[in-house]
Amino acid sequence: MQCGAKCFTVQVEINGEIKTFPVTARSPIQARKAVRLQYEEAVKIISVRAEKK
């Protein structure tokens, strides 16, 4: 875990299925990058939201 990291909820569409899961990153942009690296370009990112405390 990096300094300044937050938890984001990412909603994606994979093969026609909508899935939601948490991602730890410093910013929404880095959360998107982490998802793209894990699931490659076959994923469509619907939304990235910061989790509320």
N, C-alpha and C. Protein backbone atom coordinates (compact mmCIF):
# COMPACT_ATOMS: atom_id res chain seq x y z
N MET A 1 0.84 -1.18 0.00
CA MET A 1 0.00 0.00 0.00
C MET A 1 0.89 1.24 0.00
N GLN A 2 0.56 2.18 -0.85
CA GLN A 2 1.36 3.38 -1.00
C GLN A 2 0.87 4.48 -0.07
N CYS A 3 1.75 5.42 0.20
CA CYS A 3 1.39 6.57 1.01
C CYS A 3 0.33 7.39 0.28
N GLY A 4 -0.73 7.75 0.97
CA GLY A 4 -1.79 8.54 0.36
C GLY A 4 -2.81 7.73 -0.41
N ALA A 5 -2.75 6.42 -0.30
CA ALA A 5 -3.66 5.56 -1.05
C ALA A 5 -5.05 5.56 -0.42
N LYS A 6 -6.05 5.47 -1.26
CA LYS A 6 -7.45 5.41 -0.83
C LYS A 6 -8.09 4.18 -1.46
N CYS A 7 -9.27 3.87 -1.02
CA CYS A 7 -9.99 2.74 -1.58
C CYS A 7 -11.07 3.27 -2.54
N PHE A 8 -11.08 2.74 -3.75
CA PHE A 8 -12.06 3.13 -4.76
C PHE A 8 -12.90 1.92 -5.13
N THR A 9 -14.16 2.17 -5.45
CA THR A 9 -15.05 1.12 -5.94
C THR A 9 -15.13 1.29 -7.45
N VAL A 10 -14.76 0.23 -8.17
CA VAL A 10 -14.73 0.27 -9.62
C VAL A 10 -15.82 -0.65 -10.16
N GLN A 11 -16.62 -0.12 -11.07
CA GLN A 11 -17.68 -0.91 -11.70
C GLN A 11 -17.27 -1.12 -13.16
N VAL A 12 -17.17 -2.38 -13.58
CA VAL A 12 -16.72 -2.71 -14.93
C VAL A 12 -17.68 -3.67 -15.61
N GLU A 13 -17.57 -3.72 -16.93
CA GLU A 13 -18.33 -4.68 -17.72
C GLU A 13 -17.33 -5.62 -18.38
N ILE A 14 -17.45 -6.91 -18.04
CA ILE A 14 -16.57 -7.93 -18.58
C ILE A 14 -17.43 -9.00 -19.24
N ASN A 15 -17.27 -9.17 -20.53
CA ASN A 15 -18.03 -10.17 -21.29
C ASN A 15 -19.53 -10.05 -21.06
N GLY A 16 -20.05 -8.84 -21.03
CA GLY A 16 -21.48 -8.61 -20.86
C GLY A 16 -21.97 -8.65 -19.43
N GLU A 17 -21.10 -8.93 -18.47
CA GLU A 17 -21.47 -8.98 -17.06
C GLU A 17 -20.93 -7.73 -16.36
N ILE A 18 -21.74 -7.12 -15.51
CA ILE A 18 -21.31 -5.95 -14.74
C ILE A 18 -20.83 -6.43 -13.37
N LYS A 19 -19.59 -6.07 -13.04
CA LYS A 19 -19.00 -6.47 -11.76
C LYS A 19 -18.50 -5.24 -11.03
N THR A 20 -18.54 -5.29 -9.69
CA THR A 20 -18.06 -4.21 -8.85
C THR A 20 -17.05 -4.77 -7.86
N PHE A 21 -15.90 -4.10 -7.73
CA PHE A 21 -14.91 -4.55 -6.77
C PHE A 21 -14.06 -3.39 -6.29
N PRO A 22 -13.42 -3.53 -5.10
CA PRO A 22 -12.59 -2.45 -4.55
C PRO A 22 -11.17 -2.48 -5.12
N VAL A 23 -10.59 -1.29 -5.27
CA VAL A 23 -9.22 -1.13 -5.75
C VAL A 23 -8.54 -0.09 -4.85
N THR A 24 -7.33 -0.37 -4.40
CA THR A 24 -6.57 0.58 -3.60
C THR A 24 -5.61 1.33 -4.52
N ALA A 25 -5.74 2.66 -4.56
CA ALA A 25 -4.89 3.49 -5.41
C ALA A 25 -4.85 4.90 -4.86
N ARG A 26 -3.94 5.72 -5.39
CA ARG A 26 -3.82 7.10 -4.94
C ARG A 26 -4.88 8.01 -5.55
N SER A 27 -5.30 7.71 -6.77
CA SER A 27 -6.26 8.56 -7.48
C SER A 27 -7.17 7.69 -8.35
N PRO A 28 -8.28 8.25 -8.81
CA PRO A 28 -9.16 7.49 -9.71
C PRO A 28 -8.45 7.08 -11.00
N ILE A 29 -7.53 7.89 -11.46
CA ILE A 29 -6.78 7.55 -12.69
C ILE A 29 -5.93 6.31 -12.47
N GLN A 30 -5.25 6.24 -11.33
CA GLN A 30 -4.43 5.06 -11.04
C GLN A 30 -5.29 3.83 -10.80
N ALA A 31 -6.50 4.01 -10.26
CA ALA A 31 -7.42 2.89 -10.09
C ALA A 31 -7.82 2.33 -11.46
N ARG A 32 -8.08 3.20 -12.42
CA ARG A 32 -8.41 2.77 -13.78
C ARG A 32 -7.23 2.02 -14.41
N LYS A 33 -6.02 2.54 -14.21
CA LYS A 33 -4.83 1.89 -14.76
C LYS A 33 -4.65 0.49 -14.18
N ALA A 34 -4.88 0.35 -12.88
CA ALA A 34 -4.73 -0.95 -12.22
C ALA A 34 -5.72 -1.96 -12.80
N VAL A 35 -6.95 -1.51 -13.06
CA VAL A 35 -7.97 -2.40 -13.62
C VAL A 35 -7.58 -2.81 -15.04
N ARG A 36 -7.12 -1.85 -15.83
CA ARG A 36 -6.73 -2.16 -17.22
C ARG A 36 -5.56 -3.12 -17.27
N LEU A 37 -4.60 -2.96 -16.34
CA LEU A 37 -3.46 -3.87 -16.32
C LEU A 37 -3.87 -5.29 -15.92
N GLN A 38 -4.83 -5.39 -15.01
CA GLN A 38 -5.26 -6.70 -14.53
C GLN A 38 -6.14 -7.41 -15.56
N TYR A 39 -7.09 -6.70 -16.17
CA TYR A 39 -8.04 -7.32 -17.07
C TYR A 39 -7.79 -7.00 -18.54
N GLU A 40 -6.69 -6.33 -18.84
CA GLU A 40 -6.29 -5.94 -20.18
C GLU A 40 -7.32 -5.02 -20.81
N GLU A 41 -7.33 -4.90 -22.11
CA GLU A 41 -8.20 -3.95 -22.80
C GLU A 41 -9.60 -4.50 -23.04
N ALA A 42 -9.88 -5.74 -22.68
CA ALA A 42 -11.18 -6.35 -22.92
C ALA A 42 -12.24 -5.86 -21.94
N VAL A 43 -11.88 -5.03 -21.00
CA VAL A 43 -12.80 -4.55 -19.97
C VAL A 43 -13.27 -3.14 -20.30
N LYS A 44 -14.54 -2.87 -20.00
CA LYS A 44 -15.08 -1.52 -20.17
C LYS A 44 -15.37 -0.98 -18.77
N ILE A 45 -14.68 0.09 -18.39
CA ILE A 45 -14.85 0.69 -17.07
C ILE A 45 -16.07 1.60 -17.10
N ILE A 46 -17.03 1.33 -16.22
CA ILE A 46 -18.26 2.11 -16.16
C ILE A 46 -18.12 3.28 -15.20
N SER A 47 -17.63 3.03 -13.98
CA SER A 47 -17.46 4.10 -13.01
C SER A 47 -16.38 3.78 -12.01
N VAL A 48 -15.78 4.86 -11.46
CA VAL A 48 -14.79 4.78 -10.39
C VAL A 48 -15.20 5.77 -9.33
N ARG A 49 -15.48 5.27 -8.13
CA ARG A 49 -15.95 6.14 -7.04
C ARG A 49 -15.13 5.90 -5.79
N ALA A 50 -14.86 6.96 -5.07
CA ALA A 50 -14.16 6.85 -3.79
C ALA A 50 -15.11 6.29 -2.75
N GLU A 51 -14.63 5.34 -1.95
CA GLU A 51 -15.46 4.78 -0.89
C GLU A 51 -15.58 5.78 0.25
N LYS A 52 -16.76 5.86 0.80
CA LYS A 52 -17.01 6.77 1.91
C LYS A 52 -16.64 6.09 3.22
N LYS A 53 -16.16 6.87 4.16
CA LYS A 53 -15.79 6.32 5.46
C LYS A 53 -16.96 6.34 6.40
